[in-house]
PDB file of N, CA and C in Angstrom:
ATOM      1  N   MET A   1     -36.449  71.934  71.499  1.00  0.00           N
ATOM      2  CA  MET A   1     -35.766  70.944  72.367  1.00  0.00           C
ATOM      3  C   MET A   1     -34.718  70.143  71.557  1.00  0.00           C
ATOM      4  N   SER A   2     -34.909  69.886  70.473  1.00  0.00           N
ATOM      5  CA  SER A   2     -33.989  69.088  69.627  1.00  0.00           C
ATOM      6  C   SER A   2     -32.554  69.782  69.549  1.00  0.00           C
ATOM      7  N   ASP A   3     -32.605  71.104  69.272  1.00  0.00           N
ATOM      8  CA  ASP A   3     -31.325  71.926  69.250  1.00  0.00           C
ATOM      9  C   ASP A   3     -30.703  71.847  70.554  1.00  0.00           C
ATOM     10  N   LYS A   4     -31.390  71.834  71.787  1.00  0.00           N
ATOM     11  CA  LYS A   4     -30.629  71.798  72.950  1.00  0.00           C
ATOM     12  C   LYS A   4     -29.992  70.457  73.059  1.00  0.00           C
ATOM     13  N   ILE A   5     -30.796  69.259  72.718  1.00  0.00           N
ATOM     14  CA  ILE A   5     -30.081  68.026  72.922  1.00  0.00           C
ATOM     15  C   ILE A   5     -28.940  67.894  71.844  1.00  0.00           C
ATOM     16  N   ASP A   6     -29.053  68.438  70.724  1.00  0.00           N
ATOM     17  CA  ASP A   6     -27.916  68.395  69.651  1.00  0.00           C
ATOM     18  C   ASP A   6     -26.919  69.208  70.234  1.00  0.00           C
ATOM     19  N   PHE A   7     -27.035  70.257  70.949  1.00  0.00           N
ATOM     20  CA  PHE A   7     -25.934  71.121  71.543  1.00  0.00           C
ATOM     21  C   PHE A   7     -25.199  70.305  72.715  1.00  0.00           C
ATOM     22  N   ILE A   8     -26.031  69.699  73.569  1.00  0.00           N
ATOM     23  CA  ILE A   8     -25.348  68.944  74.497  1.00  0.00           C
ATOM     24  C   ILE A   8     -24.636  67.891  74.058  1.00  0.00           C
ATOM     25  N   LYS A   9     -25.178  67.198  72.914  1.00  0.00           N
ATOM     26  CA  LYS A   9     -24.195  66.128  72.286  1.00  0.00           C
ATOM     27  C   LYS A   9     -22.895  66.681  71.806  1.00  0.00           C
ATOM     28  N   TYR A  10     -23.067  67.783  71.034  1.00  0.00           N
ATOM     29  CA  TYR A  10     -21.906  68.516  70.504  1.00  0.00           C
ATOM     30  C   TYR A  10     -20.858  68.674  71.731  1.00  0.00           C
ATOM     31  N   LEU A  11     -21.255  69.208  72.744  1.00  0.00           N
ATOM     32  CA  LEU A  11     -20.355  69.740  73.919  1.00  0.00           C
ATOM     33  C   LEU A  11     -19.728  68.423  74.436  1.00  0.00           C
ATOM     34  N   THR A  12     -20.589  67.400  74.664  1.00  0.00           N
ATOM     35  CA  THR A  12     -20.027  66.214  75.306  1.00  0.00           C
ATOM     36  C   THR A  12     -19.085  65.517  74.339  1.00  0.00           C
ATOM     37  N   SER A  13     -19.347  65.464  73.099  1.00  0.00           N
ATOM     38  CA  SER A  13     -18.407  64.922  72.088  1.00  0.00           C
ATOM     39  C   SER A  13     -17.175  65.699  71.940  1.00  0.00           C
ATOM     40  N   THR A  14     -17.243  66.814  72.096  1.00  0.00           N
ATOM     41  CA  THR A  14     -16.039  67.732  71.947  1.00  0.00           C
ATOM     42  C   THR A  14     -15.163  67.510  73.226  1.00  0.00           C
ATOM     43  N   LEU A  15     -15.701  67.374  74.433  1.00  0.00           N
ATOM     44  CA  LEU A  15     -14.961  67.224  75.594  1.00  0.00           C
ATOM     45  C   LEU A  15     -14.460  65.800  75.670  1.00  0.00           C
ATOM     46  N   THR A  16     -15.195  64.801  75.169  1.00  0.00           N
ATOM     47  CA  THR A  16     -14.679  63.410  75.107  1.00  0.00           C
ATOM     48  C   THR A  16     -13.438  63.360  74.104  1.00  0.00           C
ATOM     49  N   ALA A  17     -13.638  63.922  72.945  1.00  0.00           N
ATOM     50  CA  ALA A  17     -12.420  63.848  72.016  1.00  0.00           C
ATOM     51  C   ALA A  17     -11.290  64.460  72.702  1.00  0.00           C
ATOM     52  N   ALA A  18     -11.360  65.563  73.338  1.00  0.00           N
ATOM     53  CA  ALA A  18     -10.250  66.336  73.919  1.00  0.00           C
ATOM     54  C   ALA A  18      -9.422  65.378  75.057  1.00  0.00           C
ATOM     55  N   SER A  19     -10.424  64.616  75.815  1.00  0.00           N
ATOM     56  CA  SER A  19      -9.997  63.684  76.826  1.00  0.00           C
ATOM     57  C   SER A  19      -9.231  62.597  76.153  1.00  0.00           C
ATOM     58  N   THR A  20      -9.804  62.073  75.140  1.00  0.00           N
ATOM     59  CA  THR A  20      -9.126  60.863  74.305  1.00  0.00           C
ATOM     60  C   THR A  20      -7.819  61.259  73.893  1.00  0.00           C
ATOM     61  N   LYS A  21      -7.654  62.547  73.387  1.00  0.00           N
ATOM     62  CA  LYS A  21      -6.477  62.923  72.872  1.00  0.00           C
ATOM     63  C   LYS A  21      -5.553  63.111  73.997  1.00  0.00           C
ATOM     64  N   LEU A  22      -5.796  63.556  75.110  1.00  0.00           N
ATOM     65  CA  LEU A  22      -4.824  63.607  76.204  1.00  0.00           C
ATOM     66  C   LEU A  22      -4.533  62.185  76.677  1.00  0.00           C
ATOM     67  N   LEU A  23      -5.359  61.328  76.751  1.00  0.00           N
ATOM     68  CA  LEU A  23      -5.017  60.054  77.017  1.00  0.00           C
ATOM     69  C   LEU A  23      -4.155  59.235  76.199  1.00  0.00           C
ATOM     70  N   ALA A  24      -4.199  59.528  74.947  1.00  0.00           N
ATOM     71  CA  ALA A  24      -3.353  58.962  73.911  1.00  0.00           C
ATOM     72  C   ALA A  24      -2.002  59.688  73.779  1.00  0.00           C
ATOM     73  N   ALA A  25      -1.857  60.955  74.352  1.00  0.00           N
ATOM     74  CA  ALA A  25      -0.500  61.532  74.225  1.00  0.00           C
ATOM     75  C   ALA A  25       0.509  60.745  75.077  1.00  0.00           C
ATOM     76  N   ASN A  26       1.618  61.032  74.609  1.00  0.00           N
ATOM     77  CA  ASN A  26       2.985  60.516  75.188  1.00  0.00           C
ATOM     78  C   ASN A  26       3.836  61.631  75.953  1.00  0.00           C
ATOM     79  N   PRO A  27       3.723  61.778  77.191  1.00  0.00           N
ATOM     80  CA  PRO A  27       3.167  60.967  78.239  1.00  0.00           C
ATOM     81  C   PRO A  27       1.508  61.286  78.325  1.00  0.00           C
ATOM     82  N   THR A  28       0.782  60.443  78.799  1.00  0.00           N
ATOM     83  CA  THR A  28      -0.601  60.624  79.072  1.00  0.00           C
ATOM     84  C   THR A  28      -0.756  61.633  80.097  1.00  0.00           C
ATOM     85  N   ASP A  29      -1.954  62.439  80.007  1.00  0.00           N
ATOM     86  CA  ASP A  29      -2.371  63.461  81.053  1.00  0.00           C
ATOM     87  C   ASP A  29      -3.639  63.077  81.734  1.00  0.00           C
ATOM     88  N   THR A  30      -3.631  62.120  82.502  1.00  0.00           N
ATOM     89  CA  THR A  30      -4.891  61.589  83.079  1.00  0.00           C
ATOM     90  C   THR A  30      -5.527  62.604  83.881  1.00  0.00           C
ATOM     91  N   ALA A  31      -4.825  63.487  84.610  1.00  0.00           N
ATOM     92  CA  ALA A  31      -5.363  64.518  85.445  1.00  0.00           C
ATOM     93  C   ALA A  31      -6.402  65.319  84.681  1.00  0.00           C
ATOM     94  N   LYS A  32      -5.807  65.823  83.526  1.00  0.00           N
ATOM     95  CA  LYS A  32      -6.472  66.858  82.586  1.00  0.00           C
ATOM     96  C   LYS A  32      -7.776  66.016  81.992  1.00  0.00           C
ATOM     97  N   ALA A  33      -7.518  64.785  81.582  1.00  0.00           N
ATOM     98  CA  ALA A  33      -8.497  64.080  80.891  1.00  0.00           C
ATOM     99  C   ALA A  33      -9.548  63.810  81.930  1.00  0.00           C
ATOM    100  N   GLY A  34      -9.036  63.542  83.170  1.00  0.00           N
ATOM    101  CA  GLY A  34     -10.196  63.294  84.137  1.00  0.00           C
ATOM    102  C   GLY A  34     -11.155  64.457  84.499  1.00  0.00           C
ATOM    103  N   ARG A  35     -10.709  65.760  84.417  1.00  0.00           N
ATOM    104  CA  ARG A  35     -11.335  66.826  84.612  1.00  0.00           C
ATOM    105  C   ARG A  35     -12.279  67.119  83.457  1.00  0.00           C
ATOM    106  N   LEU A  36     -12.026  66.708  82.239  1.00  0.00           N
ATOM    107  CA  LEU A  36     -13.065  66.735  81.026  1.00  0.00           C
ATOM    108  C   LEU A  36     -14.041  65.681  81.314  1.00  0.00           C
ATOM    109  N   ASP A  37     -13.484  64.523  81.640  1.00  0.00           N
ATOM    110  CA  ASP A  37     -14.493  63.264  81.798  1.00  0.00           C
ATOM    111  C   ASP A  37     -15.464  63.599  83.005  1.00  0.00           C
ATOM    112  N   GLN A  38     -15.208  64.293  83.917  1.00  0.00           N
ATOM    113  CA  GLN A  38     -16.110  64.743  85.052  1.00  0.00           C
ATOM    114  C   GLN A  38     -17.176  65.618  84.451  1.00  0.00           C
ATOM    115  N   ILE A  39     -16.996  66.436  83.651  1.00  0.00           N
ATOM    116  CA  ILE A  39     -17.922  67.352  83.108  1.00  0.00           C
ATOM    117  C   ILE A  39     -18.855  66.456  82.177  1.00  0.00           C
ATOM    118  N   VAL A  40     -18.270  65.581  81.405  1.00  0.00           N
ATOM    119  CA  VAL A  40     -18.997  64.775  80.667  1.00  0.00           C
ATOM    120  C   VAL A  40     -20.113  63.958  81.368  1.00  0.00           C
ATOM    121  N   ARG A  41     -19.513  63.307  82.508  1.00  0.00           N
ATOM    122  CA  ARG A  41     -20.209  62.280  83.380  1.00  0.00           C
ATOM    123  C   ARG A  41     -21.334  63.168  83.959  1.00  0.00           C
ATOM    124  N   THR A  42     -21.318  64.460  84.253  1.00  0.00           N
ATOM    125  CA  THR A  42     -22.458  65.114  84.937  1.00  0.00           C
ATOM    126  C   THR A  42     -23.404  65.881  83.818  1.00  0.00           C
ATOM    127  N   ALA A  43     -23.151  65.680  82.470  1.00  0.00           N
ATOM    128  CA  ALA A  43     -23.923  66.386  81.491  1.00  0.00           C
ATOM    129  C   ALA A  43     -25.251  65.613  81.303  1.00  0.00           C
ATOM    130  N   GLU A  44     -26.383  66.237  81.717  1.00  0.00           N
ATOM    131  CA  GLU A  44     -27.697  65.834  81.706  1.00  0.00           C
ATOM    132  C   GLU A  44     -28.575  66.888  80.875  1.00  0.00           C
ATOM    133  N   ASN A  45     -28.488  68.053  81.212  1.00  0.00           N
ATOM    134  CA  ASN A  45     -29.424  69.091  80.752  1.00  0.00           C
ATOM    135  C   ASN A  45     -28.828  70.458  80.819  1.00  0.00           C
ATOM    136  N   ILE A  46     -29.318  71.501  79.958  1.00  0.00           N
ATOM    137  CA  ILE A  46     -28.967  72.940  80.185  1.00  0.00           C
ATOM    138  C   ILE A  46     -30.290  73.530  80.756  1.00  0.00           C
ATOM    139  N   SER A  47     -30.200  74.231  81.875  1.00  0.00           N
ATOM    140  CA  SER A  47     -31.339  74.841  82.254  1.00  0.00           C
ATOM    141  C   SER A  47     -31.959  75.762  81.232  1.00  0.00           C
ATOM    142  N   ASP A  48     -33.212  76.026  81.338  1.00  0.00           N
ATOM    143  CA  ASP A  48     -34.081  76.886  80.454  1.00  0.00           C
ATOM    144  C   ASP A  48     -33.397  78.275  80.435  1.00  0.00           C
ATOM    145  N   GLY A  49     -33.196  78.758  81.486  1.00  0.00           N
ATOM    146  CA  GLY A  49     -32.638  80.058  81.503  1.00  0.00           C
ATOM    147  C   GLY A  49     -31.171  80.266  80.765  1.00  0.00           C
ATOM    148  N   TYR A  50     -30.258  79.249  81.019  1.00  0.00           N
ATOM    149  CA  TYR A  50     -29.153  79.251  80.205  1.00  0.00           C
ATOM    150  C   TYR A  50     -29.328  79.053  78.798  1.00  0.00           C
ATOM    151  N   TRP A  51     -30.296  78.085  78.419  1.00  0.00           N
ATOM    152  CA  TRP A  51     -30.517  77.803  77.109  1.00  0.00           C
ATOM    153  C   TRP A  51     -31.110  79.111  76.247  1.00  0.00           C
ATOM    154  N   LEU A  52     -31.976  79.855  76.974  1.00  0.00           N
ATOM    155  CA  LEU A  52     -32.497  81.126  76.287  1.00  0.00           C
ATOM    156  C   LEU A  52     -31.294  82.014  75.955  1.00  0.00           C
ATOM    157  N   ARG A  53     -30.185  81.936  76.704  1.00  0.00           N
ATOM    158  CA  ARG A  53     -29.057  82.766  76.445  1.00  0.00           C
ATOM    159  C   ARG A  53     -28.115  82.128  75.380  1.00  0.00           C
ATOM    160  N   ILE A  54     -28.162  80.914  75.330  1.00  0.00           N
ATOM    161  CA  ILE A  54     -27.221  80.102  74.268  1.00  0.00           C
ATOM    162  C   ILE A  54     -28.012  79.942  72.919  1.00  0.00           C
ATOM    163  N   ALA A  55     -29.285  79.647  72.979  1.00  0.00           N
ATOM    164  CA  ALA A  55     -29.974  79.385  71.833  1.00  0.00           C
ATOM    165  C   ALA A  55     -29.871  80.303  70.681  1.00  0.00           C
ATOM    166  N   PRO A  56     -29.939  81.667  70.791  1.00  0.00           N
ATOM    167  CA  PRO A  56     -29.788  82.560  69.650  1.00  0.00           C
ATOM    168  C   PRO A  56     -28.443  82.422  69.030  1.00  0.00           C
ATOM    169  N   ALA A  57     -27.440  82.071  69.786  1.00  0.00           N
ATOM    170  CA  ALA A  57     -25.985  81.828  69.054  1.00  0.00           C
ATOM    171  C   ALA A  57     -26.038  80.599  68.321  1.00  0.00           C
ATOM    172  N   TYR A  58     -26.600  79.596  68.993  1.00  0.00           N
ATOM    173  CA  TYR A  58     -26.584  78.245  68.380  1.00  0.00           C
ATOM    174  C   TYR A  58     -27.385  78.138  67.160  1.00  0.00           C
ATOM    175  N   GLN A  59     -28.628  78.658  67.245  1.00  0.00           N
ATOM    176  CA  GLN A  59     -29.511  78.649  66.150  1.00  0.00           C
ATOM    177  C   GLN A  59     -29.364  79.755  64.953  1.00  0.00           C
ATOM    178  N   SER A  60     -28.472  80.720  65.222  1.00  0.00           N
ATOM    179  CA  SER A  60     -28.316  81.795  64.277  1.00  0.00           C
ATOM    180  C   SER A  60     -27.424  81.410  63.127  1.00  0.00           C
ATOM    181  N   PRO A  61     -27.578  81.859  62.003  1.00  0.00           N
ATOM    182  CA  PRO A  61     -26.560  81.635  60.825  1.00  0.00           C
ATOM    183  C   PRO A  61     -25.363  82.365  61.161  1.00  0.00           C
ATOM    184  N   TRP A  62     -24.437  82.341  60.149  1.00  0.00           N
ATOM    185  CA  TRP A  62     -23.205  83.046  60.361  1.00  0.00           C
ATOM    186  C   TRP A  62     -23.487  84.514  60.611  1.00  0.00           C
ATOM    187  N   PRO A  63     -22.900  85.435  61.250  1.00  0.00           N
ATOM    188  CA  PRO A  63     -21.517  85.153  61.909  1.00  0.00           C
ATOM    189  C   PRO A  63     -21.756  84.812  63.336  1.00  0.00           C
ATOM    190  N   ILE A  64     -22.837  84.684  63.994  1.00  0.00           N
ATOM    191  CA  ILE A  64     -23.099  84.423  65.369  1.00  0.00           C
ATOM    192  C   ILE A  64     -22.534  83.029  65.928  1.00  0.00           C
ATOM    193  N   ALA A  65     -22.941  81.992  65.128  1.00  0.00           N
ATOM    194  CA  ALA A  65     -22.577  80.621  65.447  1.00  0.00           C
ATOM    195  C   ALA A  65     -21.122  80.522  65.831  1.00  0.00           C
ATOM    196  N   PRO A  66     -20.208  81.002  64.900  1.00  0.00           N
ATOM    197  CA  PRO A  66     -18.817  80.792  65.049  1.00  0.00           C
ATOM    198  C   PRO A  66     -18.320  81.352  66.412  1.00  0.00           C
ATOM    199  N   GLU A  67     -19.048  82.357  66.855  1.00  0.00           N
ATOM    200  CA  GLU A  67     -18.752  83.089  68.229  1.00  0.00           C
ATOM    201  C   GLU A  67     -18.894  82.017  69.421  1.00  0.00           C
ATOM    202  N   LEU A  68     -19.968  81.232  69.184  1.00  0.00           N
ATOM    203  CA  LEU A  68     -20.363  80.267  70.102  1.00  0.00           C
ATOM    204  C   LEU A  68     -19.284  79.032  70.128  1.00  0.00           C
ATOM    205  N   PHE A  69     -18.820  78.636  68.966  1.00  0.00           N
ATOM    206  CA  PHE A  69     -17.892  77.431  68.752  1.00  0.00           C
ATOM    207  C   PHE A  69     -16.499  77.919  69.178  1.00  0.00           C
ATOM    208  N   ARG A  70     -16.218  79.226  68.962  1.00  0.00           N
ATOM    209  CA  ARG A  70     -14.916  79.721  69.559  1.00  0.00           C
ATOM    210  C   ARG A  70     -14.930  79.745  70.989  1.00  0.00           C
ATOM    211  N   ALA A  71     -16.068  80.160  71.560  1.00  0.00           N
ATOM    212  CA  ALA A  71     -16.135  80.238  73.081  1.00  0.00           C
ATOM    213  C   ALA A  71     -16.117  78.773  73.624  1.00  0.00           C
ATOM    214  N   VAL A  72     -16.651  77.829  73.096  1.00  0.00           N
ATOM    215  CA  VAL A  72     -16.506  76.459  73.371  1.00  0.00           C
ATOM    216  C   VAL A  72     -15.101  75.909  73.454  1.00  0.00           C
ATOM    217  N   GLY A  73     -14.445  76.277  72.360  1.00  0.00           N
ATOM    218  CA  GLY A  73     -12.897  75.862  72.206  1.00  0.00           C
ATOM    219  C   GLY A  73     -12.268  76.476  73.082  1.00  0.00           C
ATOM    220  N   GLN A  74     -12.310  77.815  73.393  1.00  0.00           N
ATOM    221  CA  GLN A  74     -11.472  78.541  74.381  1.00  0.00           C
ATOM    222  C   GLN A  74     -11.792  77.942  75.700  1.00  0.00           C
ATOM    223  N   LEU A  75     -13.064  77.693  76.110  1.00  0.00           N
ATOM    224  CA  LEU A  75     -13.335  77.189  77.553  1.00  0.00           C
ATOM    225  C   LEU A  75     -12.697  75.751  77.662  1.00  0.00           C
ATOM    226  N   ASN A  76     -12.749  75.034  76.712  1.00  0.00           N
ATOM    227  CA  ASN A  76     -12.124  73.632  76.780  1.00  0.00           C
ATOM    228  C   ASN A  76     -10.598  73.738  76.995  1.00  0.00           C
ATOM    229  N   ALA A  77     -10.048  74.785  76.207  1.00  0.00           N
ATOM    230  CA  ALA A  77      -8.472  74.934  76.334  1.00  0.00           C
ATOM    231  C   ALA A  77      -8.219  75.473  77.747  1.00  0.00           C
ATOM    232  N   ASN A  78      -9.114  76.376  78.377  1.00  0.00           N
ATOM    233  CA  ASN A  78      -8.814  76.760  79.577  1.00  0.00           C
ATOM    234  C   ASN A  78      -9.022  75.732  80.557  1.00  0.00           C
ATOM    235  N   ILE A  79      -9.949  74.781  80.435  1.00  0.00           N
ATOM    236  CA  ILE A  79      -9.947  73.660  81.448  1.00  0.00           C
ATOM    237  C   ILE A  79      -8.649  72.745  81.279  1.00  0.00           C
ATOM    238  N   ILE A  80      -8.216  72.408  80.078  1.00  0.00           N
ATOM    239  CA  ILE A  80      -7.064  71.628  79.969  1.00  0.00           C
ATOM    240  C   ILE A  80      -5.919  72.320  80.532  1.00  0.00           C
ATOM    241  N   ALA A  81      -5.897  73.670  80.443  1.00  0.00           N
ATOM    242  CA  ALA A  81      -4.703  74.419  80.976  1.00  0.00           C
ATOM    243  C   ALA A  81      -4.843  74.534  82.513  1.00  0.00           C
ATOM    244  N   GLY A  82      -5.915  74.122  83.036  1.00  0.00           N
ATOM    245  CA  GLY A  82      -5.978  74.032  84.513  1.00  0.00           C
ATOM    246  C   GLY A  82      -7.219  74.656  85.240  1.00  0.00           C
ATOM    247  N   GLN A  83      -8.070  75.374  84.580  1.00  0.00           N
ATOM    248  CA  GLN A  83      -9.242  75.977  85.111  1.00  0.00           C
ATOM    249  C   GLN A  83     -10.261  74.908  85.652  1.00  0.00           C
ATOM    250  N   SER A  84     -10.532  75.191  86.983  1.00  0.00           N
ATOM    251  CA  SER A  84     -11.419  74.190  87.604  1.00  0.00           C
ATOM    252  C   SER A  84     -12.725  74.540  87.187  1.00  0.00           C
ATOM    253  N   VAL A  85     -13.495  73.399  86.806  1.00  0.00           N
ATOM    254  CA  VAL A  85     -14.973  73.404  86.418  1.00  0.00           C
ATOM    255  C   VAL A  85     -15.568  72.168  87.176  1.00  0.00           C
ATOM    256  N   ALA A  86     -16.328  72.392  88.123  1.00  0.00           N
ATOM    257  CA  ALA A  86     -16.791  71.132  89.096  1.00  0.00           C
ATOM    258  C   ALA A  86     -17.811  70.193  88.222  1.00  0.00           C
ATOM    259  N   ASN A  87     -18.519  70.839  87.326  1.00  0.00           N
ATOM    260  CA  ASN A  87     -19.563  69.912  86.653  1.00  0.00           C
ATOM    261  C   ASN A  87     -19.998  70.467  85.426  1.00  0.00           C
ATOM    262  N   PHE A  88     -21.027  69.854  84.578  1.00  0.00           N
ATOM    263  CA  PHE A  88     -21.641  70.402  83.486  1.00  0.00           C
ATOM    264  C   PHE A  88     -22.384  71.705  83.709  1.00  0.00           C
ATOM    265  N   ASP A  89     -22.992  71.713  84.855  1.00  0.00           N
ATOM    266  CA  ASP A  89     -23.744  73.080  85.076  1.00  0.00           C
ATOM    267  C   ASP A  89     -22.873  74.245  85.195  1.00  0.00           C
ATOM    268  N   ALA A  90     -21.633  74.150  85.884  1.00  0.00           N
ATOM    269  CA  ALA A  90     -20.628  75.028  86.015  1.00  0.00           C
ATOM    270  C   ALA A  90     -20.008  75.457  84.676  1.00  0.00           C
ATOM    271  N   TYR A  91     -19.792  74.318  83.782  1.00  0.00           N
ATOM    272  CA  TYR A  91     -19.413  74.611  82.388  1.00  0.00           C
ATOM    273  C   TYR A  91     -20.213  75.533  81.601  1.00  0.00           C
ATOM    274  N   ILE A  92     -21.574  75.159  81.764  1.00  0.00           N
ATOM    275  CA  ILE A  92     -22.550  75.970  80.883  1.00  0.00           C
ATOM    276  C   ILE A  92     -22.464  77.417  81.506  1.00  0.00           C
ATOM    277  N   ALA A  93     -22.423  77.596  82.751  1.00  0.00           N
ATOM    278  CA  ALA A  93     -22.488  78.872  83.268  1.00  0.00           C
ATOM    279  C   ALA A  93     -21.322  79.624  82.812  1.00  0.00           C
ATOM    280  N   LEU A  94     -20.127  79.088  82.749  1.00  0.00           N
ATOM    281  CA  LEU A  94     -18.928  79.724  82.317  1.00  0.00           C
ATOM    282  C   LEU A  94     -18.950  80.005  80.848  1.00  0.00           C
ATOM    283  N   LEU A  95     -19.758  79.164  80.048  1.00  0.00           N
ATOM    284  CA  LEU A  95     -19.811  79.317  78.520  1.00  0.00           C
ATOM    285  C   LEU A  95     -20.704  80.555  78.363  1.00  0.00           C
ATOM    286  N   VAL A  96     -21.774  80.745  79.132  1.00  0.00           N
ATOM    287  CA  VAL A  96     -22.565  81.825  78.996  1.00  0.00           C
ATOM    288  C   VAL A  96     -21.941  83.037  79.372  1.00  0.00           C
ATOM    289  N   THR A  97     -21.191  83.122  80.426  1.00  0.00           N
ATOM    290  CA  THR A  97     -20.436  84.267  80.699  1.00  0.00           C
ATOM    291  C   THR A  97     -19.371  84.625  79.619  1.00  0.00           C
ATOM    292  N   ALA A  98     -18.864  83.485  79.063  1.00  0.00           N
ATOM    293  CA  ALA A  98     -17.835  83.869  77.916  1.00  0.00           C
ATOM    294  C   ALA A  98     -18.489  84.420  76.769  1.00  0.00           C
ATOM    295  N   LEU A  99     -19.696  84.033  76.500  1.00  0.00           N
ATOM    296  CA  LEU A  99     -20.484  84.575  75.383  1.00  0.00           C
ATOM    297  C   LEU A  99     -21.031  86.018  75.551  1.00  0.00           C
ATOM    298  N   GLY A 100     -21.175  86.167  77.018  1.00  0.00           N
ATOM    299  CA  GLY A 100     -21.755  87.690  77.344  1.00  0.00           C
ATOM    300  C   GLY A 100     -23.113  87.870  76.734  1.00  0.00           C
ATOM    301  N   THR A 101     -23.636  86.764  76.655  1.00  0.00           N
ATOM    302  CA  THR A 101     -25.139  86.821  76.182  1.00  0.00           C
ATOM    303  C   THR A 101     -26.205  87.158  77.232  1.00  0.00           C
ATOM    304  N   THR A 102     -27.120  87.770  76.973  1.00  0.00           N
ATOM    305  CA  THR A 102     -28.427  88.047  77.623  1.00  0.00           C
ATOM    306  C   THR A 102     -29.505  87.858  76.751  1.00  0.00           C
ATOM    307  N   PRO A 103     -30.779  87.490  77.243  1.00  0.00           N
ATOM    308  CA  PRO A 103     -31.737  87.447  76.138  1.00  0.00           C
ATOM    309  C   PRO A 103     -32.044  88.794  75.441  1.00  0.00           C
ATOM    310  N   ALA A 104     -31.970  89.914  76.263  1.00  0.00           N
ATOM    311  CA  ALA A 104     -32.135  91.140  75.604  1.00  0.00           C
ATOM    312  C   ALA A 104     -31.113  91.480  74.448  1.00  0.00           C
ATOM    313  N   LYS A 105     -30.028  91.008  74.614  1.00  0.00           N
ATOM    314  CA  LYS A 105     -28.825  91.411  73.714  1.00  0.00           C
ATOM    315  C   LYS A 105     -28.965  90.793  72.306  1.00  0.00           C
ATOM    316  N   ARG A 106     -29.713  89.589  72.196  1.00  0.00           N
ATOM    317  CA  ARG A 106     -29.965  89.128  70.881  1.00  0.00           C
ATOM    318  C   ARG A 106     -31.309  89.489  70.331  1.00  0.00           C
ATOM    319  N   GLN A 107     -32.369  90.185  71.012  1.00  0.00           N
ATOM    320  CA  GLN A 107     -33.439  90.571  70.478  1.00  0.00           C
ATOM    321  C   GLN A 107     -33.247  91.959  69.741  1.00  0.00           C
ATOM    322  N   PRO A 108     -34.131  92.054  68.702  1.00  0.00           N
ATOM    323  CA  PRO A 108     -34.019  93.406  67.878  1.00  0.00           C
ATOM    324  C   PRO A 108     -34.515  94.614  68.798  1.00  0.00           C
ATOM    325  N   GLN A 109     -33.745  95.571  68.661  1.00  0.00           N
ATOM    326  CA  GLN A 109     -34.087  96.739  69.434  1.00  0.00           C
ATOM    327  C   GLN A 109     -35.109  97.579  68.521  1.00  0.00           C
ATOM    328  N   PRO A 110     -35.941  98.551  69.254  1.00  0.00           N
ATOM    329  CA  PRO A 110     -36.946  99.157  68.492  1.00  0.00           C
ATOM    330  C   PRO A 110     -36.422 100.189  67.343  1.00  0.00           C
ATOM    331  N   SER A 111     -35.019 100.707  67.480  1.00  0.00           N
ATOM    332  CA  SER A 111     -34.568 101.257  66.251  1.00  0.00           C
ATOM    333  C   SER A 111     -34.131 100.563  65.048  1.00  0.00           C
ATOM    334  N   GLU A 112     -34.253  98.989  65.161  1.00  0.00           N
ATOM    335  CA  GLU A 112     -33.809  98.270  64.042  1.00  0.00           C
ATOM    336  C   GLU A 112     -34.894  98.097  63.063  1.00  0.00           C
TER     337      GLU A 112
END
């Protein structure tokens, strides 16, 4: 559970930092910052089903974790570029899709 909370804090702090940067820009971009802020405002939890898909990438050592952090960065860049994401749940769904993770993908196969 602690990893899940840490990951939520990581995501919200990353989104907040990007929003702050947009608001500090000249000219400010309040519309883009507002999209990021909306996701942060709705961040409460990650469903167990999604967490089962994210956790192996989050908890794994190199080289899997960088894949997750790149996916987060790209998703944030897509939102800033105009991709519509209604809330944190939708954000997590897009992140899972970007990772292409399924529980079976990260489990050892019988031939390993």
